[in-house]
Amino acid sequence: MRACACGLLAIVAGAAACVTTGKEAPPPKEDPFAGCQAHPAGVGGWQLRCGGVLASSNFALNYTPDQLLESFSAGMTASGEAAGNRVEWEESALKIGGKDQPVRAFRISRPADDKTLFRGHAIAVATSNEGARVVTCGAPTEVPMARERCRAMLEVLCQSGVPESVPRAALRVQGPPTILGRALIVPEGCRTLESTGERASLTCGNKSEDASFTWFLLDQGGGLQFLDLMVQQIVTGLGSEAEARVESTACQVEGTSAECRRVEGRDALGDFRLLAASATVRGDNIVVMCSYHGEQPHPVCNDVFGAAAPASAPASAPESGPESGPASAPVAGGDPQT
C-alpha cells in the first residue's frame, strides 16, 4: 500500500537545520540520548540530531520488516549512486532486548579515493498496527564513540521508539518567509508552516493539488551528503510499489549553479515529483526541496529553482501575502508510535 508522500517536505526543514561534522564528546553512558533533539520526519516519525550522530525512526503500513528494510536499502543505494557516492551493505547482528537482531550495516564512501563519508546501521521491526518501523543510526567516521552510542540508541528505538525525555523541535513562524534575506513569493493557495530566517517551509493546495517547499541553512559543509540521506528517506516513504526514479541533474538555486536530485514516483495522490538541491548561495550553504504532483512544477517551486524544471513550466509565480498555518501536514514515512 502506497502512502501519501506529499507534505513531507513542508516540515523537513525542522528535520535538520545543520550538518555537524566536527568531533563532539559522547553523552553520559547512562543516557545515549543526552543532547539529542527530535525533529518531525513524518506523521509520528522522527529524525534525531545528537551532536555528530544522526538517527531516525520511520513507519510504513502493510510492510513486513524484511520488505521495509529491503525498500530502505534500495532507496538509499539509488540516491547515493545518483550523488556519485558508493553505498555498501553488510548483513550483521546486534543484541536488541537480549536477542540477536538482524541488521544491515551501511558505509557511504567516495569512489575516487574510497574515503568513508558516513557509517551506520539500519534495522526494521514489526509494529502492532500492521506495519513495520525502520530505525537507523550513524555518523561521519571522525565522531568519537559513535558506534557504541548508536548501538545503545538503536536498542531503545527498536523496543519503545523515541524516549519522551528527548526534546521535540517545534515549527515556528517568526515573520514572512524569506530565503537568505530575500522575501519568498507565496503563491495563492499556499501558507507558511515555518519561517525563522534560517529556514522556511510552505505548503500548498488540497487533495487534488498538493505541493510543499522548504529550505534550510547548513552550519557547515556536507550538503550533498545530507541531501542524499533526505532523498533516500523520501523514496523509502513512497514504498516499493512506486518504483521511484532518482536522477542527478544541473540546476539553479537563487540564480546560482547547483546540483539537483530529481525524484519521480507515485503516491496515494498520483504522480509525485521532487526537486532537491544543495548549493552555496551568497556565501551560505543551504538545502532546498520542493515536491508537487503532476507533470508541471507547482508555482511554489519556481521562485527559487531554475533550469531543473521542464522548459514548458511557468517561469514565475504570482505573489501573494504569506499566511500562518498549522505546524503539521499529511506526510509519508511517519511512525504512529514514538
Protein backbone atom coordinates (compact mmCIF):
# COMPACT_ATOMS: atom_id res chain seq x y z
CA MET A 1 0.00 0.00 0.00
CA ARG A 2 1.41 3.35 -1.06
CA ALA A 3 1.43 6.20 1.41
CA CYS A 4 0.98 9.88 0.65
CA ALA A 5 4.43 11.47 0.27
CA CYS A 6 3.10 14.98 -0.39
CA GLY A 7 3.81 17.25 2.55
CA LEU A 8 6.95 15.62 3.95
CA LEU A 9 8.96 18.46 2.51
CA ALA A 10 6.77 21.01 4.22
CA ILE A 11 8.21 20.04 7.58
CA VAL A 12 11.60 18.64 6.57
CA ALA A 13 13.25 21.96 7.40
CA GLY A 14 12.62 21.08 11.02
CA ALA A 15 14.23 17.69 10.48
CA ALA A 16 17.75 19.09 10.42
CA ALA A 17 18.90 22.67 10.36
CA CYS A 18 22.58 21.76 10.29
CA VAL A 19 25.02 19.02 9.43
CA THR A 20 27.63 18.66 12.16
CA THR A 21 30.92 17.16 11.08
CA GLY A 22 33.18 18.24 13.94
CA LYS A 23 34.22 15.89 16.71
CA GLU A 24 31.94 16.09 19.72
CA ALA A 25 32.06 14.44 23.11
CA PRO A 26 29.69 11.48 23.61
CA PRO A 27 26.82 11.76 26.09
CA PRO A 28 26.95 10.23 29.57
CA LYS A 29 26.99 6.43 29.37
CA GLU A 30 23.70 6.13 31.24
CA ASP A 31 21.77 8.15 28.62
CA PRO A 32 22.71 7.75 24.93
CA PHE A 33 20.03 10.32 24.02
CA ALA A 34 21.53 13.13 26.12
CA GLY A 35 21.88 16.25 23.99
CA CYS A 36 19.57 14.92 21.25
CA GLN A 37 16.71 16.84 19.69
CA ALA A 38 13.90 15.12 17.75
CA HIS A 39 12.62 16.73 14.56
CA PRO A 40 9.44 15.72 12.69
CA ALA A 41 10.03 13.31 9.79
CA GLY A 42 6.50 12.20 9.04
CA VAL A 43 3.30 11.59 10.94
CA GLY A 44 4.76 10.46 14.24
CA GLY A 45 8.14 9.77 12.64
CA TRP A 46 11.30 11.42 13.93
CA GLN A 47 14.82 12.26 12.98
CA LEU A 48 17.23 12.80 15.86
CA ARG A 49 20.20 15.16 15.80
CA CYS A 50 22.64 14.22 18.56
CA GLY A 51 25.83 16.16 18.02
CA GLY A 52 27.61 14.32 15.21
CA VAL A 53 25.22 11.34 15.37
CA LEU A 54 22.11 11.15 13.17
CA ALA A 55 19.29 8.68 13.91
CA SER A 56 15.77 8.20 12.57
CA SER A 57 12.55 6.24 13.06
CA ASN A 58 10.02 5.88 10.23
CA PHE A 59 6.92 3.76 9.70
CA ALA A 60 5.37 2.06 6.64
CA LEU A 61 1.93 0.45 6.63
CA ASN A 62 1.40 -3.07 5.23
CA TYR A 63 5.11 -3.86 5.12
CA THR A 64 6.91 -6.71 6.81
CA PRO A 65 10.24 -5.80 8.43
CA ASP A 66 12.14 -7.63 5.67
CA GLN A 67 10.21 -5.80 2.94
CA LEU A 68 10.73 -2.42 4.54
CA LEU A 69 14.44 -2.97 5.12
CA GLU A 70 14.86 -4.08 1.51
CA SER A 71 12.99 -1.00 0.25
CA PHE A 72 15.02 1.27 2.52
CA SER A 73 18.32 -0.24 1.37
CA ALA A 74 17.42 0.01 -2.31
CA GLY A 75 16.33 3.63 -1.97
CA MET A 76 19.46 4.62 -0.08
CA THR A 77 21.71 2.89 -2.61
CA ALA A 78 19.97 4.57 -5.54
CA SER A 79 20.17 8.05 -4.05
CA GLY A 80 23.81 7.52 -3.07
CA GLU A 81 24.75 6.45 -6.57
CA ALA A 82 22.87 9.41 -8.05
CA ALA A 83 25.11 11.62 -5.89
CA GLY A 84 28.25 9.94 -7.19
CA ASN A 85 28.86 8.08 -3.94
CA ARG A 86 29.09 4.36 -3.24
CA VAL A 87 26.79 2.71 -0.69
CA GLU A 88 27.86 -0.69 0.59
CA TRP A 89 25.78 -3.00 2.78
CA GLU A 90 26.73 -5.88 5.04
CA GLU A 91 24.45 -8.26 6.89
CA SER A 92 25.19 -8.21 10.61
CA ALA A 93 23.52 -8.57 14.00
CA LEU A 94 23.12 -6.54 17.17
CA LYS A 95 21.87 -7.50 20.62
CA ILE A 96 18.40 -5.97 20.93
CA GLY A 97 16.41 -6.88 24.01
CA GLY A 98 18.83 -9.67 24.79
CA LYS A 99 18.37 -11.31 21.37
CA ASP A 100 20.44 -11.14 18.20
CA GLN A 101 18.57 -8.82 15.83
CA PRO A 102 19.45 -8.92 12.10
CA VAL A 103 20.69 -5.53 10.94
CA ARG A 104 22.27 -4.04 7.86
CA ALA A 105 25.44 -2.06 8.30
CA PHE A 106 26.00 0.57 5.62
CA ARG A 107 29.01 2.55 4.51
CA ILE A 108 28.84 5.62 2.26
CA SER A 109 32.13 6.31 0.51
CA ARG A 110 33.64 8.36 -2.29
CA PRO A 111 34.60 6.04 -5.18
CA ALA A 112 37.56 8.15 -6.35
CA ASP A 113 39.65 7.53 -3.23
CA ASP A 114 37.43 5.13 -1.21
CA LYS A 115 37.15 7.75 1.55
CA THR A 116 34.45 6.81 4.04
CA LEU A 117 31.94 9.63 4.49
CA PHE A 118 29.37 8.03 6.79
CA ARG A 119 28.77 4.72 8.58
CA GLY A 120 25.63 3.41 10.22
CA HIS A 121 23.13 0.61 10.79
CA ALA A 122 19.52 0.09 9.70
CA ILE A 123 17.05 -2.21 11.46
CA ALA A 124 13.39 -2.92 10.69
CA VAL A 125 10.99 -4.28 13.30
CA ALA A 126 7.31 -5.22 13.26
CA THR A 127 4.77 -2.92 14.91
CA SER A 128 1.38 -3.64 16.44
CA ASN A 129 -0.56 -1.84 13.66
CA GLU A 130 0.02 -3.98 10.57
CA GLY A 131 3.22 -2.28 9.58
CA ALA A 132 6.90 -2.04 10.26
CA ARG A 133 9.29 0.55 11.58
CA VAL A 134 12.78 1.14 10.20
CA VAL A 135 15.28 2.77 12.55
CA THR A 136 18.74 3.98 11.65
CA CYS A 137 21.74 5.45 13.40
CA GLY A 138 25.09 6.55 12.03
CA ALA A 139 27.73 9.25 11.91
CA PRO A 140 30.76 10.50 10.00
CA THR A 141 33.79 8.40 10.87
CA GLU A 142 35.51 11.14 12.88
CA VAL A 143 32.79 11.32 15.55
CA PRO A 144 34.16 9.58 18.68
CA MET A 145 32.33 6.56 20.13
CA ALA A 146 29.57 6.82 17.50
CA ARG A 147 29.26 3.03 17.13
CA GLU A 148 28.80 2.49 20.87
CA ARG A 149 26.29 5.31 21.13
CA CYS A 150 24.31 4.10 18.11
CA ARG A 151 24.15 0.57 19.49
CA ALA A 152 22.51 1.88 22.67
CA MET A 153 20.17 4.20 20.76
CA LEU A 154 19.05 1.51 18.31
CA GLU A 155 18.06 -0.83 21.13
CA VAL A 156 15.77 1.80 22.62
CA LEU A 157 14.36 2.92 19.26
CA CYS A 158 13.53 -0.66 18.26
CA GLN A 159 11.84 -1.52 21.52
CA SER A 160 9.99 1.65 22.52
CA GLY A 161 10.64 4.42 20.00
CA VAL A 162 11.95 7.89 20.74
CA PRO A 163 12.07 8.50 24.52
CA GLU A 164 9.69 11.12 25.87
CA SER A 165 12.67 12.79 27.53
CA VAL A 166 14.12 13.81 24.14
CA PRO A 167 13.04 17.41 23.36
CA ARG A 168 10.79 17.74 20.30
CA ALA A 169 11.56 20.60 17.94
CA ALA A 170 8.62 22.85 17.16
CA LEU A 171 7.91 24.65 13.91
CA ARG A 172 7.91 28.43 14.28
CA VAL A 173 6.61 31.33 12.20
CA GLN A 174 8.55 34.44 13.17
CA GLY A 175 7.50 36.56 10.21
CA PRO A 176 7.00 36.45 6.43
CA PRO A 177 9.11 33.68 4.84
CA THR A 178 12.49 34.65 3.40
CA ILE A 179 15.48 32.92 1.86
CA LEU A 180 18.82 34.41 2.91
CA GLY A 181 17.20 37.79 3.44
CA ARG A 182 15.08 37.84 0.26
CA ALA A 183 11.31 37.69 0.64
CA LEU A 184 9.83 34.48 -0.75
CA ILE A 185 6.85 34.61 -3.09
CA VAL A 186 3.89 32.81 -1.50
CA PRO A 187 1.54 31.76 -4.34
CA GLU A 188 -2.21 31.84 -3.89
CA GLY A 189 -3.38 28.76 -2.02
CA CYS A 190 -0.09 28.35 -0.13
CA ARG A 191 0.58 29.01 3.53
CA THR A 192 3.65 29.34 5.72
CA LEU A 193 4.40 26.47 8.11
CA GLU A 194 7.77 27.71 9.33
CA SER A 195 9.83 30.86 8.94
CA THR A 196 12.84 31.64 11.14
CA GLY A 197 15.32 33.41 8.87
CA GLU A 198 17.47 30.27 8.77
CA ARG A 199 14.77 28.08 7.23
CA ALA A 200 11.26 28.27 5.83
CA SER A 201 8.53 25.82 4.83
CA LEU A 202 5.44 26.38 2.69
CA THR A 203 2.59 24.00 1.89
CA CYS A 204 0.03 24.45 -0.88
CA GLY A 205 -3.26 23.18 -2.22
CA ASN A 206 -5.66 20.42 -1.33
CA LYS A 207 -6.12 16.78 -2.23
CA SER A 208 -6.15 17.49 -5.97
CA GLU A 209 -3.23 19.91 -5.99
CA ASP A 210 -0.66 19.48 -3.27
CA ALA A 211 2.88 20.87 -3.09
CA SER A 212 5.48 21.69 -0.47
CA PHE A 213 8.59 23.86 -0.44
CA THR A 214 11.33 24.03 2.16
CA TRP A 215 14.85 25.37 2.54
CA PHE A 216 17.24 25.39 5.48
CA LEU A 217 20.70 26.68 6.33
CA LEU A 218 23.61 24.31 6.97
CA ASP A 219 26.10 25.29 9.65
CA GLN A 220 28.91 23.50 7.81
CA GLY A 221 29.57 21.63 4.58
CA GLY A 222 28.33 18.15 3.71
CA GLY A 223 25.21 19.40 1.95
CA LEU A 224 25.16 16.79 -0.81
CA GLN A 225 25.70 14.01 1.72
CA PHE A 226 22.79 15.18 3.83
CA LEU A 227 20.65 15.87 0.74
CA ASP A 228 21.02 12.28 -0.41
CA LEU A 229 20.06 10.94 3.02
CA MET A 230 16.87 13.03 2.89
CA VAL A 231 16.10 11.92 -0.69
CA GLN A 232 16.57 8.31 0.38
CA GLN A 233 14.02 8.79 3.19
CA ILE A 234 11.51 10.26 0.76
CA VAL A 235 12.00 7.41 -1.74
CA THR A 236 11.51 4.91 1.08
CA GLY A 237 8.30 6.70 2.10
CA LEU A 238 6.89 6.22 -1.40
CA GLY A 239 7.09 2.44 -0.95
CA SER A 240 8.40 -0.34 -3.15
CA GLU A 241 5.34 -0.27 -5.44
CA ALA A 242 6.19 3.25 -6.51
CA GLU A 243 9.37 2.30 -8.42
CA ALA A 244 10.65 5.79 -7.77
CA ARG A 245 13.39 7.04 -10.09
CA VAL A 246 16.19 9.27 -8.80
CA GLU A 247 18.47 11.19 -11.11
CA SER A 248 21.15 13.84 -10.71
CA THR A 249 20.94 16.97 -12.82
CA ALA A 250 22.33 20.50 -13.02
CA CYS A 251 20.03 23.28 -11.87
CA GLN A 252 19.98 26.78 -10.46
CA VAL A 253 19.07 27.90 -6.95
CA GLU A 254 18.62 31.64 -6.45
CA GLY A 255 20.46 32.13 -9.75
CA THR A 256 23.46 30.09 -8.56
CA SER A 257 24.58 26.86 -10.28
CA ALA A 258 23.80 23.83 -8.15
CA GLU A 259 23.45 20.05 -8.28
CA CYS A 260 19.87 18.81 -8.12
CA ARG A 261 18.24 15.50 -7.37
CA ARG A 262 15.02 14.80 -9.25
CA VAL A 263 12.67 12.09 -7.94
CA GLU A 264 9.73 10.72 -9.92
CA GLY A 265 7.30 8.23 -8.42
CA ARG A 266 3.73 7.74 -7.30
CA ASP A 267 1.91 8.10 -4.00
CA ALA A 268 -1.72 7.99 -2.89
CA LEU A 269 -2.49 11.20 -4.82
CA GLY A 270 -0.90 10.14 -8.11
CA ASP A 271 2.31 11.19 -9.85
CA PHE A 272 4.76 12.57 -7.30
CA ARG A 273 7.73 14.80 -8.21
CA LEU A 274 10.56 16.19 -6.12
CA LEU A 275 13.29 18.72 -6.87
CA ALA A 276 16.06 18.91 -4.25
CA ALA A 277 19.37 20.74 -4.28
CA SER A 278 22.40 21.58 -2.18
CA ALA A 279 24.01 24.91 -3.03
CA THR A 280 26.24 27.70 -1.78
CA VAL A 281 24.26 30.91 -2.21
CA ARG A 282 25.61 34.32 -1.24
CA GLY A 283 28.26 32.58 0.84
CA ASP A 284 25.86 30.32 2.77
CA ASN A 285 25.39 26.55 2.41
CA ILE A 286 21.73 25.64 2.01
CA VAL A 287 19.48 22.73 1.08
CA VAL A 288 16.31 23.43 -0.93
CA MET A 289 13.49 20.98 -1.68
CA CYS A 290 10.16 21.23 -3.48
CA SER A 291 7.57 18.48 -4.05
CA TYR A 292 4.47 18.55 -6.25
CA HIS A 293 2.04 16.34 -8.16
CA GLY A 294 1.63 16.13 -11.92
CA GLU A 295 4.00 16.89 -14.79
CA GLN A 296 4.41 20.64 -14.31
CA PRO A 297 6.21 22.09 -11.28
CA HIS A 298 3.95 23.91 -8.84
CA PRO A 299 4.42 27.71 -8.80
CA VAL A 300 5.81 27.49 -5.26
CA CYS A 301 8.92 25.81 -6.75
CA ASN A 302 9.61 28.45 -9.38
CA ASP A 303 10.57 31.34 -7.10
CA VAL A 304 13.84 29.66 -6.07
CA PHE A 305 14.55 26.88 -8.57
CA GLY A 306 15.65 27.43 -12.15
CA ALA A 307 16.70 25.16 -15.03
CA ALA A 308 15.68 21.99 -13.17
CA ALA A 309 12.04 22.34 -14.22
CA PRO A 310 10.77 21.38 -17.71
CA ALA A 311 11.04 24.14 -20.30
CA SER A 312 7.26 24.35 -20.50
CA ALA A 313 6.94 25.07 -16.81
CA PRO A 314 5.80 28.57 -15.84
CA ALA A 315 8.70 30.88 -15.16
CA SER A 316 7.34 32.56 -12.06
CA ALA A 317 4.51 32.57 -9.60
CA PRO A 318 2.11 35.37 -8.76
CA GLU A 319 2.89 36.98 -5.45
CA SER A 320 0.50 36.65 -2.57
CA GLY A 321 0.76 37.56 1.04
CA PRO A 322 2.03 34.90 3.43
CA GLU A 323 -0.32 33.24 5.80
CA SER A 324 0.39 31.49 9.04
CA GLY A 325 -0.72 27.87 9.03
CA PRO A 326 -0.80 24.87 11.32
CA ALA A 327 2.55 23.26 12.07
CA SER A 328 1.56 19.94 10.53
CA ALA A 329 0.71 18.38 7.18
CA PRO A 330 -0.09 14.90 5.82
CA VAL A 331 3.17 13.13 5.18
CA ALA A 332 4.63 9.72 4.37
CA GLY A 333 7.04 7.53 6.20
CA GLY A 334 5.87 8.55 9.66
CA ASP A 335 5.66 6.23 12.61
CA PRO A 336 2.38 6.34 14.52
CA GLN A 337 4.29 5.09 17.53
CA THR A 338 7.02 7.21 19.08
